[in-house]
Amino acid sequence: MNGPVLDASALLAFLHDEPGADLVGEALVAGASISAVNWAEVLSKLADRGQEPETVAQDLENQGILGPALIVHEVDEILACRIAELRPQTRALGLSLGDRACLALAGRLGLGVLTADRDWMDLDLGLDIRLIRHQQPTPP
């Protein structure tokens, strides 16, 4: 497992073949990680669209994505404390519990992060945070 930690936005971009999906695909080939909290976010968004979470998980497992290419990491007591510790540092940017779970897992594993959330670029947490979508130039 040499790939980055994915946040929910990155995995959803991959699943919906949105801009940045190619970068997430490359991460999956390298062996990516996701926190159980972010995995629940992904499944919840898909459930909102009428997809059954268990069916989605089984389909991704059958495709060789869930498991070999994407490892779901549990949130234990130590990681929960780190998630909470990140709250004061990230509150001004409005980061959610899921956002902080992703960042805390990346810190624990010593890996970079892939996200579609541009606000994360303003964070100074000592993590390699990479956007999956390039910012469009502002018209003159």
N, C-alpha and C. Protein backbone atom coordinates (compact mmCIF):
# COMPACT_ATOMS: atom_id res chain seq x y z
N MET A 1 0.85 -1.19 0.00
CA MET A 1 0.00 0.00 0.00
C MET A 1 0.89 1.24 0.00
N ASN A 2 1.05 1.83 -1.16
CA ASN A 2 1.88 3.01 -1.29
C ASN A 2 1.09 4.24 -1.71
N GLY A 3 -0.17 4.06 -2.00
CA GLY A 3 -1.00 5.16 -2.48
C GLY A 3 -1.48 6.03 -1.33
N PRO A 4 -2.13 7.11 -1.67
CA PRO A 4 -2.59 8.08 -0.67
C PRO A 4 -3.87 7.65 0.03
N VAL A 5 -4.26 8.46 0.98
CA VAL A 5 -5.56 8.33 1.64
C VAL A 5 -6.55 9.16 0.82
N LEU A 6 -7.70 8.57 0.54
CA LEU A 6 -8.74 9.26 -0.23
C LEU A 6 -9.77 9.84 0.71
N ASP A 7 -10.22 11.04 0.41
CA ASP A 7 -11.40 11.52 1.12
C ASP A 7 -12.62 11.12 0.28
N ALA A 8 -13.80 11.33 0.84
CA ALA A 8 -15.03 10.90 0.17
C ALA A 8 -15.18 11.57 -1.20
N SER A 9 -14.82 12.84 -1.30
CA SER A 9 -14.99 13.55 -2.57
C SER A 9 -14.14 12.93 -3.67
N ALA A 10 -12.95 12.47 -3.33
CA ALA A 10 -12.07 11.86 -4.32
C ALA A 10 -12.64 10.53 -4.81
N LEU A 11 -13.09 9.69 -3.88
CA LEU A 11 -13.63 8.39 -4.29
C LEU A 11 -14.92 8.56 -5.09
N LEU A 12 -15.75 9.52 -4.68
CA LEU A 12 -16.98 9.77 -5.43
C LEU A 12 -16.67 10.26 -6.85
N ALA A 13 -15.66 11.09 -6.99
CA ALA A 13 -15.26 11.56 -8.32
C ALA A 13 -14.86 10.37 -9.19
N PHE A 14 -14.15 9.43 -8.61
CA PHE A 14 -13.75 8.23 -9.35
C PHE A 14 -14.98 7.41 -9.74
N LEU A 15 -15.86 7.19 -8.80
CA LEU A 15 -17.03 6.34 -9.05
C LEU A 15 -17.98 6.95 -10.07
N HIS A 16 -18.02 8.28 -10.14
CA HIS A 16 -18.91 8.96 -11.08
C HIS A 16 -18.17 9.42 -12.35
N ASP A 17 -16.91 9.03 -12.48
CA ASP A 17 -16.09 9.40 -13.63
C ASP A 17 -16.10 10.91 -13.86
N GLU A 18 -15.89 11.64 -12.78
CA GLU A 18 -15.83 13.10 -12.83
C GLU A 18 -14.39 13.55 -13.05
N PRO A 19 -14.19 14.84 -13.32
CA PRO A 19 -12.82 15.34 -13.43
C PRO A 19 -12.00 14.94 -12.20
N GLY A 20 -10.79 14.46 -12.45
CA GLY A 20 -9.91 14.00 -11.39
C GLY A 20 -9.97 12.50 -11.16
N ALA A 21 -10.93 11.84 -11.81
CA ALA A 21 -11.08 10.39 -11.64
C ALA A 21 -9.81 9.64 -12.02
N ASP A 22 -9.10 10.15 -13.03
CA ASP A 22 -7.87 9.48 -13.47
C ASP A 22 -6.82 9.47 -12.37
N LEU A 23 -6.68 10.56 -11.63
CA LEU A 23 -5.71 10.60 -10.53
C LEU A 23 -6.09 9.63 -9.42
N VAL A 24 -7.37 9.53 -9.14
CA VAL A 24 -7.83 8.59 -8.12
C VAL A 24 -7.60 7.16 -8.60
N GLY A 25 -7.84 6.92 -9.88
CA GLY A 25 -7.58 5.59 -10.44
C GLY A 25 -6.12 5.19 -10.29
N GLU A 26 -5.21 6.13 -10.54
CA GLU A 26 -3.78 5.87 -10.35
C GLU A 26 -3.47 5.54 -8.89
N ALA A 27 -4.12 6.26 -7.98
CA ALA A 27 -3.92 6.00 -6.55
C ALA A 27 -4.41 4.61 -6.18
N LEU A 28 -5.51 4.19 -6.77
CA LEU A 28 -6.05 2.86 -6.48
C LEU A 28 -5.11 1.77 -6.98
N VAL A 29 -4.49 2.00 -8.12
CA VAL A 29 -3.52 1.03 -8.64
C VAL A 29 -2.36 0.89 -7.66
N ALA A 30 -1.95 2.00 -7.05
CA ALA A 30 -0.84 1.98 -6.09
C ALA A 30 -1.27 1.39 -4.74
N GLY A 31 -2.56 1.31 -4.50
CA GLY A 31 -3.07 0.81 -3.23
C GLY A 31 -3.40 1.96 -2.30
N ALA A 32 -4.63 2.42 -2.33
CA ALA A 32 -5.07 3.58 -1.55
C ALA A 32 -5.75 3.14 -0.26
N SER A 33 -5.97 4.12 0.61
CA SER A 33 -6.64 3.90 1.89
C SER A 33 -7.79 4.89 2.03
N ILE A 34 -8.75 4.52 2.87
CA ILE A 34 -9.86 5.40 3.21
C ILE A 34 -10.29 5.06 4.63
N SER A 35 -10.71 6.07 5.38
CA SER A 35 -11.20 5.80 6.73
C SER A 35 -12.62 5.25 6.64
N ALA A 36 -13.01 4.50 7.64
CA ALA A 36 -14.37 3.96 7.69
C ALA A 36 -15.39 5.08 7.68
N VAL A 37 -15.05 6.23 8.26
CA VAL A 37 -15.96 7.38 8.26
C VAL A 37 -16.18 7.88 6.85
N ASN A 38 -15.09 8.01 6.08
CA ASN A 38 -15.21 8.48 4.69
C ASN A 38 -15.90 7.44 3.82
N TRP A 39 -15.65 6.17 4.08
CA TRP A 39 -16.33 5.10 3.36
C TRP A 39 -17.84 5.19 3.60
N ALA A 40 -18.22 5.46 4.86
CA ALA A 40 -19.64 5.63 5.18
C ALA A 40 -20.22 6.84 4.46
N GLU A 41 -19.44 7.91 4.33
CA GLU A 41 -19.89 9.09 3.58
C GLU A 41 -20.17 8.73 2.12
N VAL A 42 -19.26 7.99 1.52
CA VAL A 42 -19.42 7.59 0.11
C VAL A 42 -20.68 6.76 -0.04
N LEU A 43 -20.84 5.76 0.81
CA LEU A 43 -22.01 4.89 0.73
C LEU A 43 -23.30 5.68 0.98
N SER A 44 -23.25 6.66 1.88
CA SER A 44 -24.42 7.48 2.17
C SER A 44 -24.82 8.31 0.96
N LYS A 45 -23.83 8.91 0.29
CA LYS A 45 -24.13 9.70 -0.91
C LYS A 45 -24.74 8.82 -2.00
N LEU A 46 -24.21 7.62 -2.14
CA LEU A 46 -24.74 6.71 -3.15
C LEU A 46 -26.14 6.22 -2.76
N ALA A 47 -26.37 6.05 -1.47
CA ALA A 47 -27.71 5.67 -0.99
C ALA A 47 -28.71 6.77 -1.29
N ASP A 48 -28.28 8.04 -1.17
CA ASP A 48 -29.14 9.16 -1.54
C ASP A 48 -29.58 9.08 -3.00
N ARG A 49 -28.75 8.47 -3.81
CA ARG A 49 -29.05 8.33 -5.25
C ARG A 49 -29.77 7.02 -5.55
N GLY A 50 -30.17 6.32 -4.49
CA GLY A 50 -30.96 5.10 -4.68
C GLY A 50 -30.17 3.81 -4.78
N GLN A 51 -28.86 3.87 -4.54
CA GLN A 51 -28.04 2.66 -4.60
C GLN A 51 -27.96 2.01 -3.22
N GLU A 52 -28.03 0.69 -3.19
CA GLU A 52 -27.94 -0.06 -1.94
C GLU A 52 -26.47 -0.14 -1.51
N PRO A 53 -26.15 0.31 -0.30
CA PRO A 53 -24.75 0.27 0.16
C PRO A 53 -24.10 -1.10 0.07
N GLU A 54 -24.80 -2.15 0.48
CA GLU A 54 -24.21 -3.49 0.42
C GLU A 54 -23.94 -3.92 -1.02
N THR A 55 -24.81 -3.54 -1.94
CA THR A 55 -24.62 -3.88 -3.35
C THR A 55 -23.42 -3.12 -3.91
N VAL A 56 -23.30 -1.85 -3.56
CA VAL A 56 -22.16 -1.05 -4.02
C VAL A 56 -20.86 -1.67 -3.52
N ALA A 57 -20.82 -2.00 -2.23
CA ALA A 57 -19.61 -2.59 -1.65
C ALA A 57 -19.27 -3.90 -2.34
N GLN A 58 -20.26 -4.74 -2.57
CA GLN A 58 -20.02 -6.02 -3.23
C GLN A 58 -19.54 -5.82 -4.66
N ASP A 59 -20.14 -4.88 -5.38
CA ASP A 59 -19.72 -4.60 -6.76
C ASP A 59 -18.26 -4.12 -6.80
N LEU A 60 -17.89 -3.24 -5.87
CA LEU A 60 -16.52 -2.74 -5.84
C LEU A 60 -15.54 -3.84 -5.44
N GLU A 61 -15.97 -4.72 -4.57
CA GLU A 61 -15.12 -5.86 -4.21
C GLU A 61 -14.95 -6.79 -5.41
N ASN A 62 -16.03 -7.06 -6.14
CA ASN A 62 -15.97 -7.92 -7.31
C ASN A 62 -15.07 -7.33 -8.40
N GLN A 63 -15.01 -6.01 -8.48
CA GLN A 63 -14.18 -5.32 -9.47
C GLN A 63 -12.71 -5.24 -9.03
N GLY A 64 -12.43 -5.71 -7.83
CA GLY A 64 -11.06 -5.66 -7.33
C GLY A 64 -10.67 -4.30 -6.79
N ILE A 65 -11.65 -3.45 -6.54
CA ILE A 65 -11.35 -2.12 -5.99
C ILE A 65 -11.36 -2.17 -4.48
N LEU A 66 -12.46 -2.56 -3.90
CA LEU A 66 -12.56 -2.63 -2.44
C LEU A 66 -11.80 -3.87 -1.98
N GLY A 67 -10.84 -3.66 -1.14
CA GLY A 67 -10.00 -4.76 -0.67
C GLY A 67 -8.60 -4.61 -1.21
N PRO A 68 -8.33 -5.14 -2.40
CA PRO A 68 -6.96 -5.06 -2.91
C PRO A 68 -6.49 -3.64 -3.22
N ALA A 69 -7.32 -2.84 -3.85
CA ALA A 69 -6.91 -1.49 -4.27
C ALA A 69 -7.27 -0.42 -3.26
N LEU A 70 -8.27 -0.66 -2.45
CA LEU A 70 -8.73 0.33 -1.47
C LEU A 70 -8.98 -0.36 -0.14
N ILE A 71 -8.16 -0.01 0.82
CA ILE A 71 -8.28 -0.57 2.17
C ILE A 71 -9.08 0.40 3.03
N VAL A 72 -10.13 -0.11 3.69
CA VAL A 72 -10.93 0.69 4.61
C VAL A 72 -10.36 0.49 6.01
N HIS A 73 -9.97 1.59 6.64
CA HIS A 73 -9.36 1.56 7.97
C HIS A 73 -10.39 1.93 9.04
N GLU A 74 -10.44 1.12 10.07
CA GLU A 74 -11.33 1.39 11.19
C GLU A 74 -10.86 2.62 11.96
N VAL A 75 -11.81 3.22 12.66
CA VAL A 75 -11.48 4.34 13.54
C VAL A 75 -11.45 3.80 14.96
N ASP A 76 -10.27 3.80 15.56
CA ASP A 76 -10.13 3.32 16.93
C ASP A 76 -10.05 4.52 17.88
N GLU A 77 -9.81 4.24 19.14
CA GLU A 77 -9.79 5.31 20.16
C GLU A 77 -8.70 6.34 19.88
N ILE A 78 -7.53 5.88 19.45
CA ILE A 78 -6.41 6.79 19.21
C ILE A 78 -6.70 7.69 18.01
N LEU A 79 -7.22 7.10 16.95
CA LEU A 79 -7.55 7.91 15.77
C LEU A 79 -8.69 8.88 16.09
N ALA A 80 -9.66 8.44 16.90
CA ALA A 80 -10.76 9.32 17.31
C ALA A 80 -10.22 10.54 18.06
N CYS A 81 -9.24 10.34 18.91
CA CYS A 81 -8.63 11.48 19.62
C CYS A 81 -7.95 12.43 18.64
N ARG A 82 -7.25 11.88 17.66
CA ARG A 82 -6.57 12.73 16.67
C ARG A 82 -7.58 13.51 15.84
N ILE A 83 -8.69 12.87 15.49
CA ILE A 83 -9.76 13.55 14.76
C ILE A 83 -10.25 14.74 15.57
N ALA A 84 -10.46 14.54 16.86
CA ALA A 84 -10.93 15.61 17.75
C ALA A 84 -9.87 16.70 17.89
N GLU A 85 -8.60 16.31 17.97
CA GLU A 85 -7.52 17.29 18.09
C GLU A 85 -7.43 18.21 16.89
N LEU A 86 -7.84 17.71 15.73
CA LEU A 86 -7.80 18.53 14.51
C LEU A 86 -8.91 19.58 14.46
N ARG A 87 -9.91 19.44 15.29
CA ARG A 87 -11.06 20.35 15.24
C ARG A 87 -10.65 21.82 15.37
N PRO A 88 -9.88 22.21 16.40
CA PRO A 88 -9.53 23.64 16.52
C PRO A 88 -8.72 24.15 15.33
N GLN A 89 -7.86 23.30 14.76
CA GLN A 89 -7.01 23.71 13.64
C GLN A 89 -7.79 23.84 12.33
N THR A 90 -8.94 23.21 12.25
CA THR A 90 -9.67 23.16 10.98
C THR A 90 -11.04 23.82 11.03
N ARG A 91 -11.43 24.26 12.20
CA ARG A 91 -12.77 24.84 12.38
C ARG A 91 -13.03 26.03 11.47
N ALA A 92 -12.04 26.91 11.32
CA ALA A 92 -12.23 28.12 10.51
C ALA A 92 -12.55 27.78 9.05
N LEU A 93 -12.08 26.64 8.59
CA LEU A 93 -12.36 26.23 7.21
C LEU A 93 -13.62 25.38 7.11
N GLY A 94 -14.24 25.09 8.24
CA GLY A 94 -15.48 24.34 8.25
C GLY A 94 -15.33 22.87 7.92
N LEU A 95 -14.18 22.29 8.22
CA LEU A 95 -13.98 20.88 7.91
C LEU A 95 -14.89 20.00 8.78
N SER A 96 -15.44 18.99 8.14
CA SER A 96 -16.37 18.08 8.80
C SER A 96 -15.63 17.00 9.57
N LEU A 97 -16.37 16.21 10.30
CA LEU A 97 -15.82 15.05 10.99
C LEU A 97 -15.15 14.12 9.97
N GLY A 98 -15.81 13.90 8.84
CA GLY A 98 -15.24 13.05 7.80
C GLY A 98 -13.94 13.61 7.25
N ASP A 99 -13.89 14.91 7.02
CA ASP A 99 -12.67 15.55 6.55
C ASP A 99 -11.53 15.30 7.52
N ARG A 100 -11.81 15.51 8.79
CA ARG A 100 -10.78 15.33 9.82
C ARG A 100 -10.39 13.87 9.97
N ALA A 101 -11.32 12.95 9.74
CA ALA A 101 -11.00 11.52 9.79
C ALA A 101 -10.00 11.18 8.70
N CYS A 102 -10.20 11.73 7.52
CA CYS A 102 -9.28 11.50 6.41
C CYS A 102 -7.89 12.04 6.75
N LEU A 103 -7.84 13.26 7.23
CA LEU A 103 -6.56 13.88 7.56
C LEU A 103 -5.85 13.15 8.70
N ALA A 104 -6.61 12.73 9.70
CA ALA A 104 -6.02 12.01 10.83
C ALA A 104 -5.45 10.66 10.37
N LEU A 105 -6.16 9.97 9.49
CA LEU A 105 -5.67 8.70 8.98
C LEU A 105 -4.40 8.90 8.17
N ALA A 106 -4.37 9.93 7.34
CA ALA A 106 -3.17 10.22 6.56
C ALA A 106 -1.99 10.48 7.48
N GLY A 107 -2.21 11.23 8.55
CA GLY A 107 -1.15 11.48 9.50
C GLY A 107 -0.66 10.20 10.17
N ARG A 108 -1.59 9.35 10.55
CA ARG A 108 -1.23 8.08 11.19
C ARG A 108 -0.40 7.20 10.25
N LEU A 109 -0.82 7.13 9.00
CA LEU A 109 -0.15 6.24 8.04
C LEU A 109 1.08 6.87 7.39
N GLY A 110 1.24 8.19 7.57
CA GLY A 110 2.36 8.89 6.94
C GLY A 110 2.22 8.95 5.43
N LEU A 111 0.97 9.10 4.97
CA LEU A 111 0.68 9.14 3.54
C LEU A 111 0.08 10.48 3.15
N GLY A 112 0.09 10.75 1.86
CA GLY A 112 -0.55 11.95 1.34
C GLY A 112 -2.06 11.74 1.24
N VAL A 113 -2.73 12.81 0.83
CA VAL A 113 -4.19 12.81 0.73
C VAL A 113 -4.60 13.28 -0.66
N LEU A 114 -5.65 12.66 -1.20
CA LEU A 114 -6.29 13.15 -2.42
C LEU A 114 -7.68 13.65 -2.06
N THR A 115 -8.02 14.84 -2.54
CA THR A 115 -9.31 15.45 -2.26
C THR A 115 -9.74 16.32 -3.43
N ALA A 116 -11.03 16.60 -3.48
CA ALA A 116 -11.56 17.58 -4.44
C ALA A 116 -11.86 18.90 -3.73
N ASP A 117 -11.61 18.96 -2.44
CA ASP A 117 -11.95 20.13 -1.62
C ASP A 117 -10.81 21.15 -1.63
N ARG A 118 -11.01 22.23 -2.36
CA ARG A 118 -9.97 23.26 -2.50
C ARG A 118 -9.61 23.94 -1.17
N ASP A 119 -10.54 23.99 -0.23
CA ASP A 119 -10.26 24.63 1.06
C ASP A 119 -9.12 23.95 1.80
N TRP A 120 -8.90 22.69 1.52
CA TRP A 120 -7.84 21.96 2.22
C TRP A 120 -6.45 22.50 1.87
N MET A 121 -6.34 23.21 0.77
CA MET A 121 -5.04 23.75 0.38
C MET A 121 -4.58 24.85 1.33
N ASP A 122 -5.51 25.37 2.13
CA ASP A 122 -5.17 26.40 3.11
C ASP A 122 -4.73 25.80 4.45
N LEU A 123 -4.72 24.48 4.55
CA LEU A 123 -4.32 23.82 5.79
C LEU A 123 -2.80 23.74 5.89
N ASP A 124 -2.31 23.85 7.11
CA ASP A 124 -0.88 23.69 7.37
C ASP A 124 -0.73 22.62 8.45
N LEU A 125 -0.85 21.36 8.02
CA LEU A 125 -0.82 20.25 8.96
C LEU A 125 0.38 19.34 8.75
N GLY A 126 1.27 19.75 7.83
CA GLY A 126 2.43 18.92 7.55
C GLY A 126 2.10 17.69 6.73
N LEU A 127 0.97 17.73 6.01
CA LEU A 127 0.56 16.61 5.17
C LEU A 127 0.65 17.01 3.71
N ASP A 128 0.91 16.02 2.85
CA ASP A 128 0.91 16.23 1.42
C ASP A 128 -0.53 16.12 0.93
N ILE A 129 -1.17 17.26 0.72
CA ILE A 129 -2.57 17.30 0.29
C ILE A 129 -2.59 17.69 -1.19
N ARG A 130 -3.20 16.83 -2.01
CA ARG A 130 -3.23 17.07 -3.44
C ARG A 130 -4.67 17.14 -3.92
N LEU A 131 -4.94 18.15 -4.73
CA LEU A 131 -6.25 18.29 -5.36
C LEU A 131 -6.34 17.39 -6.57
N ILE A 132 -7.49 16.75 -6.74
CA ILE A 132 -7.67 15.90 -7.91
C ILE A 132 -8.12 16.70 -9.13
N ARG A 133 -8.61 17.90 -8.89
CA ARG A 133 -9.07 18.76 -9.99
C ARG A 133 -8.22 20.01 -10.00
N HIS A 134 -7.77 20.37 -11.19
CA HIS A 134 -6.98 21.59 -11.32
C HIS A 134 -7.91 22.79 -11.33
N GLN A 135 -7.46 23.84 -10.67
CA GLN A 135 -8.26 25.06 -10.61
C GLN A 135 -8.30 25.70 -11.98
N GLN A 136 -9.50 26.07 -12.38
CA GLN A 136 -9.68 26.73 -13.66
C GLN A 136 -9.20 28.18 -13.54
N PRO A 137 -8.49 28.69 -14.55
CA PRO A 137 -8.05 30.08 -14.50
C PRO A 137 -9.25 31.02 -14.51
N THR A 138 -9.10 32.09 -13.78
CA THR A 138 -10.14 33.11 -13.72
C THR A 138 -10.09 33.94 -14.98
N PRO A 139 -11.23 34.11 -15.67
CA PRO A 139 -11.22 34.92 -16.89
C PRO A 139 -10.88 36.37 -16.57
N PRO A 140 -10.18 37.03 -17.51
CA PRO A 140 -9.79 38.45 -17.27
C PRO A 140 -10.97 39.38 -17.26
